[in-house]
Amino acid sequence: MSKESVQAAIDNADRVLAGEKIKVGGFMEIEKSHRYRINVSTSVKGIKTYDCTCDFTGYTMEETLEASDLLVKELDGRYPAPKEEK
């Protein structure tokens, strides 16, 4: 990889982080975006449960899974599973 192409990649990454669209391969524009959806429900017995999704565009699979794992960890802390009575 030439010095110029490395610098162009760095410049493109900086513009993406700033929320700009960039051209990839000269013909396609990609804009990074993400959205979280969380639905919290309460059962008749007062038990809270949740469903969540992470929609990520322009991020790697690793970045997406890391964000998803952090969201689940946060929600598990807020809405822990009820302990079973014996």
N, C-alpha and C. Protein backbone atom coordinates (compact mmCIF):
# COMPACT_ATOMS: atom_id res chain seq x y z
N MET A 1 0.84 -1.16 0.00
CA MET A 1 0.00 0.00 0.00
C MET A 1 0.90 1.23 0.00
N SER A 2 0.57 2.17 -0.89
CA SER A 2 1.39 3.37 -0.98
C SER A 2 1.09 4.33 0.16
N LYS A 3 2.00 5.24 0.37
CA LYS A 3 1.82 6.25 1.43
C LYS A 3 0.57 7.09 1.16
N GLU A 4 0.32 7.40 -0.12
CA GLU A 4 -0.85 8.21 -0.48
C GLU A 4 -2.15 7.47 -0.19
N SER A 5 -2.21 6.16 -0.48
CA SER A 5 -3.45 5.41 -0.25
C SER A 5 -3.70 5.22 1.25
N VAL A 6 -2.63 5.08 2.03
CA VAL A 6 -2.79 4.99 3.48
C VAL A 6 -3.34 6.30 4.02
N GLN A 7 -2.79 7.43 3.57
CA GLN A 7 -3.27 8.73 4.02
C GLN A 7 -4.71 8.96 3.60
N ALA A 8 -5.08 8.52 2.38
CA ALA A 8 -6.46 8.67 1.91
C ALA A 8 -7.41 7.86 2.79
N ALA A 9 -7.00 6.65 3.19
CA ALA A 9 -7.83 5.81 4.07
C ALA A 9 -8.01 6.47 5.43
N ILE A 10 -6.94 7.07 5.96
CA ILE A 10 -7.02 7.76 7.25
C ILE A 10 -7.95 8.97 7.13
N ASP A 11 -7.82 9.73 6.04
CA ASP A 11 -8.69 10.89 5.83
C ASP A 11 -10.15 10.47 5.74
N ASN A 12 -10.42 9.37 5.01
CA ASN A 12 -11.79 8.87 4.89
C ASN A 12 -12.34 8.45 6.25
N ALA A 13 -11.52 7.76 7.05
CA ALA A 13 -11.96 7.32 8.38
C ALA A 13 -12.29 8.53 9.25
N ASP A 14 -11.47 9.58 9.18
CA ASP A 14 -11.74 10.79 9.96
C ASP A 14 -13.06 11.43 9.53
N ARG A 15 -13.34 11.44 8.22
CA ARG A 15 -14.58 12.04 7.74
C ARG A 15 -15.78 11.21 8.17
N VAL A 16 -15.65 9.88 8.19
CA VAL A 16 -16.74 9.02 8.63
C VAL A 16 -17.04 9.27 10.09
N LEU A 17 -16.00 9.37 10.92
CA LEU A 17 -16.20 9.63 12.33
C LEU A 17 -16.89 10.97 12.55
N ALA A 18 -16.72 11.88 11.63
CA ALA A 18 -17.38 13.18 11.73
C ALA A 18 -18.81 13.12 11.18
N GLY A 19 -19.23 11.94 10.70
CA GLY A 19 -20.60 11.76 10.22
C GLY A 19 -20.79 12.06 8.75
N GLU A 20 -19.70 12.16 7.99
CA GLU A 20 -19.81 12.44 6.57
C GLU A 20 -19.93 11.14 5.78
N LYS A 21 -20.50 11.26 4.60
CA LYS A 21 -20.53 10.13 3.67
C LYS A 21 -19.18 10.07 2.96
N ILE A 22 -18.71 8.87 2.67
CA ILE A 22 -17.47 8.73 1.93
C ILE A 22 -17.72 7.83 0.73
N LYS A 23 -16.92 7.99 -0.30
CA LYS A 23 -17.03 7.14 -1.47
C LYS A 23 -16.06 5.98 -1.31
N VAL A 24 -16.57 4.78 -1.57
CA VAL A 24 -15.75 3.58 -1.48
C VAL A 24 -15.59 3.04 -2.89
N GLY A 25 -14.35 2.88 -3.32
CA GLY A 25 -14.11 2.37 -4.65
C GLY A 25 -14.57 3.32 -5.74
N GLY A 26 -14.82 4.57 -5.40
CA GLY A 26 -15.19 5.56 -6.38
C GLY A 26 -16.65 5.54 -6.82
N PHE A 27 -17.46 4.61 -6.29
CA PHE A 27 -18.84 4.54 -6.79
C PHE A 27 -19.90 4.36 -5.71
N MET A 28 -19.53 4.08 -4.50
CA MET A 28 -20.53 3.81 -3.47
C MET A 28 -20.26 4.68 -2.26
N GLU A 29 -21.32 5.25 -1.69
CA GLU A 29 -21.18 6.06 -0.48
C GLU A 29 -21.65 5.27 0.72
N ILE A 30 -20.90 5.37 1.82
CA ILE A 30 -21.25 4.70 3.07
C ILE A 30 -21.27 5.74 4.18
N GLU A 31 -22.32 5.71 4.97
CA GLU A 31 -22.39 6.58 6.14
C GLU A 31 -22.57 5.69 7.36
N LYS A 32 -21.76 5.90 8.35
CA LYS A 32 -21.89 5.11 9.57
C LYS A 32 -23.12 5.58 10.34
N SER A 33 -23.90 4.62 10.81
CA SER A 33 -25.04 4.94 11.65
C SER A 33 -25.33 3.77 12.57
N HIS A 34 -25.98 4.06 13.66
CA HIS A 34 -26.37 2.99 14.58
C HIS A 34 -27.67 3.37 15.28
N ARG A 35 -28.41 2.32 15.64
CA ARG A 35 -29.68 2.52 16.33
C ARG A 35 -29.89 1.36 17.29
N TYR A 36 -30.32 1.70 18.49
CA TYR A 36 -30.67 0.69 19.49
C TYR A 36 -32.18 0.68 19.66
N ARG A 37 -32.76 -0.49 19.78
CA ARG A 37 -34.18 -0.61 20.10
C ARG A 37 -34.31 -1.50 21.32
N ILE A 38 -35.05 -1.01 22.31
CA ILE A 38 -35.22 -1.76 23.55
C ILE A 38 -36.69 -1.75 23.92
N ASN A 39 -37.22 -2.91 24.22
CA ASN A 39 -38.61 -3.05 24.66
C ASN A 39 -38.60 -3.73 26.02
N VAL A 40 -39.07 -3.03 27.03
CA VAL A 40 -39.13 -3.59 28.38
C VAL A 40 -40.59 -3.90 28.70
N SER A 41 -40.84 -5.12 29.16
CA SER A 41 -42.19 -5.56 29.50
C SER A 41 -42.24 -5.98 30.96
N THR A 42 -43.42 -5.86 31.55
CA THR A 42 -43.64 -6.31 32.92
C THR A 42 -44.74 -7.36 32.90
N SER A 43 -44.44 -8.53 33.45
CA SER A 43 -45.43 -9.60 33.47
C SER A 43 -46.49 -9.34 34.53
N VAL A 44 -47.50 -10.17 34.55
CA VAL A 44 -48.57 -10.06 35.55
C VAL A 44 -48.00 -10.20 36.97
N LYS A 45 -46.94 -10.99 37.10
CA LYS A 45 -46.31 -11.19 38.40
C LYS A 45 -45.30 -10.09 38.74
N GLY A 46 -45.17 -9.08 37.87
CA GLY A 46 -44.26 -7.97 38.15
C GLY A 46 -42.83 -8.21 37.71
N ILE A 47 -42.59 -9.25 36.91
CA ILE A 47 -41.23 -9.56 36.45
C ILE A 47 -40.96 -8.77 35.17
N LYS A 48 -39.85 -8.04 35.17
CA LYS A 48 -39.48 -7.26 33.99
C LYS A 48 -38.60 -8.10 33.08
N THR A 49 -38.90 -8.04 31.79
CA THR A 49 -38.08 -8.69 30.77
C THR A 49 -37.82 -7.67 29.67
N TYR A 50 -36.85 -7.95 28.82
CA TYR A 50 -36.54 -7.02 27.75
C TYR A 50 -36.17 -7.77 26.47
N ASP A 51 -36.38 -7.09 25.36
CA ASP A 51 -35.90 -7.50 24.05
C ASP A 51 -35.11 -6.31 23.52
N CYS A 52 -34.02 -6.57 22.82
CA CYS A 52 -33.26 -5.46 22.28
C CYS A 52 -32.62 -5.84 20.95
N THR A 53 -32.39 -4.83 20.11
CA THR A 53 -31.68 -5.03 18.85
C THR A 53 -30.70 -3.87 18.68
N CYS A 54 -29.63 -4.16 17.99
CA CYS A 54 -28.64 -3.15 17.61
C CYS A 54 -28.54 -3.17 16.09
N ASP A 55 -28.86 -2.06 15.45
CA ASP A 55 -28.73 -1.94 13.99
C ASP A 55 -27.53 -1.05 13.71
N PHE A 56 -26.52 -1.60 13.08
CA PHE A 56 -25.31 -0.85 12.78
C PHE A 56 -25.03 -0.92 11.28
N THR A 57 -24.73 0.23 10.68
CA THR A 57 -24.36 0.30 9.27
C THR A 57 -22.99 0.95 9.17
N GLY A 58 -22.12 0.34 8.39
CA GLY A 58 -20.79 0.90 8.19
C GLY A 58 -19.78 0.51 9.25
N TYR A 59 -20.15 -0.39 10.16
CA TYR A 59 -19.25 -0.85 11.21
C TYR A 59 -18.86 -2.30 10.94
N THR A 60 -17.77 -2.74 11.52
CA THR A 60 -17.37 -4.14 11.38
C THR A 60 -18.26 -5.02 12.25
N MET A 61 -18.26 -6.30 11.96
CA MET A 61 -19.03 -7.25 12.76
C MET A 61 -18.53 -7.22 14.20
N GLU A 62 -17.24 -7.12 14.38
CA GLU A 62 -16.66 -7.09 15.73
C GLU A 62 -17.17 -5.88 16.52
N GLU A 63 -17.19 -4.70 15.88
CA GLU A 63 -17.69 -3.50 16.55
C GLU A 63 -19.17 -3.64 16.89
N THR A 64 -19.94 -4.23 15.98
CA THR A 64 -21.38 -4.41 16.20
C THR A 64 -21.64 -5.36 17.36
N LEU A 65 -20.93 -6.50 17.38
CA LEU A 65 -21.12 -7.47 18.45
C LEU A 65 -20.67 -6.92 19.80
N GLU A 66 -19.61 -6.13 19.80
CA GLU A 66 -19.14 -5.52 21.05
C GLU A 66 -20.21 -4.57 21.60
N ALA A 67 -20.81 -3.76 20.73
CA ALA A 67 -21.87 -2.85 21.17
C ALA A 67 -23.08 -3.63 21.68
N SER A 68 -23.41 -4.71 21.00
CA SER A 68 -24.54 -5.55 21.42
C SER A 68 -24.28 -6.17 22.78
N ASP A 69 -23.07 -6.70 22.97
CA ASP A 69 -22.72 -7.30 24.26
C ASP A 69 -22.79 -6.28 25.40
N LEU A 70 -22.32 -5.07 25.14
CA LEU A 70 -22.37 -4.02 26.17
C LEU A 70 -23.82 -3.65 26.50
N LEU A 71 -24.68 -3.60 25.48
CA LEU A 71 -26.08 -3.29 25.72
C LEU A 71 -26.75 -4.37 26.55
N VAL A 72 -26.51 -5.63 26.21
CA VAL A 72 -27.10 -6.74 26.98
C VAL A 72 -26.60 -6.72 28.41
N LYS A 73 -25.31 -6.47 28.61
CA LYS A 73 -24.75 -6.41 29.96
C LYS A 73 -25.42 -5.31 30.77
N GLU A 74 -25.61 -4.15 30.17
CA GLU A 74 -26.27 -3.03 30.86
C GLU A 74 -27.72 -3.38 31.20
N LEU A 75 -28.44 -3.98 30.27
CA LEU A 75 -29.83 -4.33 30.51
C LEU A 75 -29.96 -5.45 31.54
N ASP A 76 -29.04 -6.42 31.52
CA ASP A 76 -29.05 -7.48 32.53
C ASP A 76 -28.87 -6.90 33.94
N GLY A 77 -28.04 -5.85 34.05
CA GLY A 77 -27.84 -5.20 35.34
C GLY A 77 -29.09 -4.45 35.81
N ARG A 78 -29.80 -3.85 34.87
CA ARG A 78 -31.00 -3.10 35.22
C ARG A 78 -32.20 -4.00 35.46
N TYR A 79 -32.28 -5.09 34.70
CA TYR A 79 -33.44 -6.00 34.77
C TYR A 79 -32.95 -7.43 34.99
N PRO A 80 -32.41 -7.74 36.16
CA PRO A 80 -31.85 -9.08 36.39
C PRO A 80 -32.95 -10.14 36.35
N ALA A 81 -32.55 -11.34 35.96
CA ALA A 81 -33.49 -12.47 35.95
C ALA A 81 -33.91 -12.77 37.38
N PRO A 82 -35.18 -13.09 37.59
CA PRO A 82 -35.63 -13.39 38.97
C PRO A 82 -34.99 -14.68 39.47
N LYS A 83 -34.71 -14.70 40.75
CA LYS A 83 -34.15 -15.91 41.35
C LYS A 83 -35.26 -16.90 41.60
N GLU A 84 -34.99 -18.15 41.27
CA GLU A 84 -36.00 -19.19 41.45
C GLU A 84 -36.14 -19.54 42.93
N GLU A 85 -37.37 -19.68 43.35
CA GLU A 85 -37.63 -20.07 44.72
C GLU A 85 -37.60 -21.59 44.80
N LYS A 86 -37.01 -22.13 45.88
CA LYS A 86 -36.91 -23.59 46.03
C LYS A 86 -37.81 -24.09 47.11
